[in-house]
Amino acid sequence: MTVNIQVNKQNNENTVGIIRRFTKRVQGSGILRRARSVRYFDRPLSKLLRKRKALKSISKKEILEELIKLGKIERHSPFHRRSRR
């Protein structure tokens, strides 16, 4: 979406007035609102990537639980996540 906004200097207008008129036109056109709403947009992950991510987290959990059962890691060690409230 490309919108050109142009403001021409009037007879006895100073630069502050020109800038003020320009900013009002930009705000009125909605360009900034649109740009800010799209600013941090991330594409949703594909099904394949979501599955891979889920499988990876499941395997990490299994490994962690096995290490806890073997006694190599304590349940509340720094390597084990716990909810902080």
C-alpha atoms as a PDB file:
ATOM      1  CA  MET A   1       0.000   0.000   0.000  1.00  0.00           C
ATOM      2  CA  THR A   2       1.677   3.180  -1.192  1.00  0.00           C
ATOM      3  CA  VAL A   3       0.198   6.578  -0.476  1.00  0.00           C
ATOM      4  CA  ASN A   4       2.015   9.786  -1.274  1.00  0.00           C
ATOM      5  CA  ILE A   5       1.122  12.697   0.954  1.00  0.00           C
ATOM      6  CA  GLN A   6       2.180  16.092  -0.247  1.00  0.00           C
ATOM      7  CA  VAL A   7       1.935  19.428   1.540  1.00  0.00           C
ATOM      8  CA  ASN A   8       2.781  22.712  -0.210  1.00  0.00           C
ATOM      9  CA  LYS A   9       3.867  25.825   1.647  1.00  0.00           C
ATOM     10  CA  GLN A  10       1.255  28.554   1.804  1.00  0.00           C
ATOM     11  CA  ASN A  11       2.039  32.293   1.635  1.00  0.00           C
ATOM     12  CA  ASN A  12       3.075  33.271   5.175  1.00  0.00           C
ATOM     13  CA  GLU A  13       3.350  29.794   6.702  1.00  0.00           C
ATOM     14  CA  ASN A  14       6.360  28.827   8.796  1.00  0.00           C
ATOM     15  CA  THR A  15       7.963  25.362   8.864  1.00  0.00           C
ATOM     16  CA  VAL A  16       6.218  24.387  12.105  1.00  0.00           C
ATOM     17  CA  GLY A  17       2.840  24.944  10.454  1.00  0.00           C
ATOM     18  CA  ILE A  18       3.848  22.872   7.422  1.00  0.00           C
ATOM     19  CA  ILE A  19       4.997  20.017   9.646  1.00  0.00           C
ATOM     20  CA  ARG A  20       1.777  20.215  11.650  1.00  0.00           C
ATOM     21  CA  ARG A  21      -0.371  20.016   8.500  1.00  0.00           C
ATOM     22  CA  PHE A  22       1.714  17.134   7.183  1.00  0.00           C
ATOM     23  CA  THR A  23       1.384  15.107  10.394  1.00  0.00           C
ATOM     24  CA  LYS A  24      -2.380  15.693  10.427  1.00  0.00           C
ATOM     25  CA  ARG A  25      -2.667  14.416   6.866  1.00  0.00           C
ATOM     26  CA  VAL A  26      -0.549  11.366   7.654  1.00  0.00           C
ATOM     27  CA  GLN A  27      -2.702  10.564  10.695  1.00  0.00           C
ATOM     28  CA  GLY A  28      -5.876  11.115   8.704  1.00  0.00           C
ATOM     29  CA  SER A  29      -4.772   8.757   5.945  1.00  0.00           C
ATOM     30  CA  GLY A  30      -4.253   5.884   8.423  1.00  0.00           C
ATOM     31  CA  ILE A  31      -0.781   4.983   7.165  1.00  0.00           C
ATOM     32  CA  LEU A  32       0.825   4.960  10.607  1.00  0.00           C
ATOM     33  CA  ARG A  33      -1.979   2.951  12.181  1.00  0.00           C
ATOM     34  CA  ARG A  34      -1.607   0.274   9.498  1.00  0.00           C
ATOM     35  CA  ALA A  35       2.197   0.237   9.729  1.00  0.00           C
ATOM     36  CA  ARG A  36       2.111  -0.156  13.516  1.00  0.00           C
ATOM     37  CA  SER A  37      -0.461  -2.951  13.365  1.00  0.00           C
ATOM     38  CA  VAL A  38       1.690  -4.934  10.913  1.00  0.00           C
ATOM     39  CA  ARG A  39       4.974  -4.051  12.604  1.00  0.00           C
ATOM     40  CA  TYR A  40       5.578  -7.253  14.580  1.00  0.00           C
ATOM     41  CA  PHE A  41       3.543  -9.646  12.449  1.00  0.00           C
ATOM     42  CA  ASP A  42       4.919 -13.187  12.332  1.00  0.00           C
ATOM     43  CA  ARG A  43       3.681 -15.755   9.899  1.00  0.00           C
ATOM     44  CA  PRO A  44       2.042 -18.719  11.591  1.00  0.00           C
ATOM     45  CA  LEU A  45       4.169 -21.866  11.564  1.00  0.00           C
ATOM     46  CA  SER A  46       3.327 -24.517   8.997  1.00  0.00           C
ATOM     47  CA  LYS A  47       1.842 -27.839  10.118  1.00  0.00           C
ATOM     48  CA  LEU A  48       5.149 -29.604   9.532  1.00  0.00           C
ATOM     49  CA  LEU A  49       7.118 -27.144  11.663  1.00  0.00           C
ATOM     50  CA  ARG A  50       4.514 -27.302  14.436  1.00  0.00           C
ATOM     51  CA  LYS A  51       4.718 -31.105  14.450  1.00  0.00           C
ATOM     52  CA  ARG A  52       8.522 -31.035  14.539  1.00  0.00           C
ATOM     53  CA  LYS A  53       8.501 -28.560  17.402  1.00  0.00           C
ATOM     54  CA  ALA A  54       6.004 -30.668  19.351  1.00  0.00           C
ATOM     55  CA  LEU A  55       8.017 -33.860  18.797  1.00  0.00           C
ATOM     56  CA  LYS A  56      11.202 -32.107  19.883  1.00  0.00           C
ATOM     57  CA  SER A  57       9.636 -30.880  23.125  1.00  0.00           C
ATOM     58  CA  ILE A  58       8.176 -34.335  23.825  1.00  0.00           C
ATOM     59  CA  SER A  59      11.560 -35.982  23.368  1.00  0.00           C
ATOM     60  CA  LYS A  60      13.223 -33.399  25.635  1.00  0.00           C
ATOM     61  CA  LYS A  61      10.610 -34.080  28.333  1.00  0.00           C
ATOM     62  CA  GLU A  62      11.175 -37.831  28.049  1.00  0.00           C
ATOM     63  CA  ILE A  63      14.947 -37.435  28.373  1.00  0.00           C
ATOM     64  CA  LEU A  64      14.535 -35.128  31.373  1.00  0.00           C
ATOM     65  CA  GLU A  65      12.131 -37.494  33.128  1.00  0.00           C
ATOM     66  CA  GLU A  66      14.508 -40.411  32.522  1.00  0.00           C
ATOM     67  CA  LEU A  67      17.420 -38.453  34.007  1.00  0.00           C
ATOM     68  CA  ILE A  68      15.286 -37.625  37.051  1.00  0.00           C
ATOM     69  CA  LYS A  69      14.335 -41.301  37.493  1.00  0.00           C
ATOM     70  CA  LEU A  70      18.011 -42.335  37.245  1.00  0.00           C
ATOM     71  CA  GLY A  71      18.868 -39.773  39.914  1.00  0.00           C
ATOM     72  CA  LYS A  72      21.248 -37.787  37.729  1.00  0.00           C
ATOM     73  CA  ILE A  73      19.125 -34.645  38.073  1.00  0.00           C
ATOM     74  CA  GLU A  74      17.045 -33.588  41.052  1.00  0.00           C
ATOM     75  CA  ARG A  75      13.474 -32.615  40.362  1.00  0.00           C
ATOM     76  CA  HIS A  76      13.989 -28.980  41.418  1.00  0.00           C
ATOM     77  CA  SER A  77      17.449 -28.445  40.008  1.00  0.00           C
ATOM     78  CA  PRO A  78      18.212 -25.382  37.875  1.00  0.00           C
ATOM     79  CA  PHE A  79      17.927 -27.571  34.774  1.00  0.00           C
ATOM     80  CA  HIS A  80      14.363 -28.580  35.559  1.00  0.00           C
ATOM     81  CA  ARG A  81      11.635 -26.036  34.879  1.00  0.00           C
ATOM     82  CA  ARG A  82       9.102 -25.278  37.522  1.00  0.00           C
ATOM     83  CA  SER A  83       6.258 -22.811  37.613  1.00  0.00           C
ATOM     84  CA  ARG A  84       7.061 -19.536  39.350  1.00  0.00           C
ATOM     85  CA  ARG A  85       4.125 -17.804  40.931  1.00  0.00           C
END
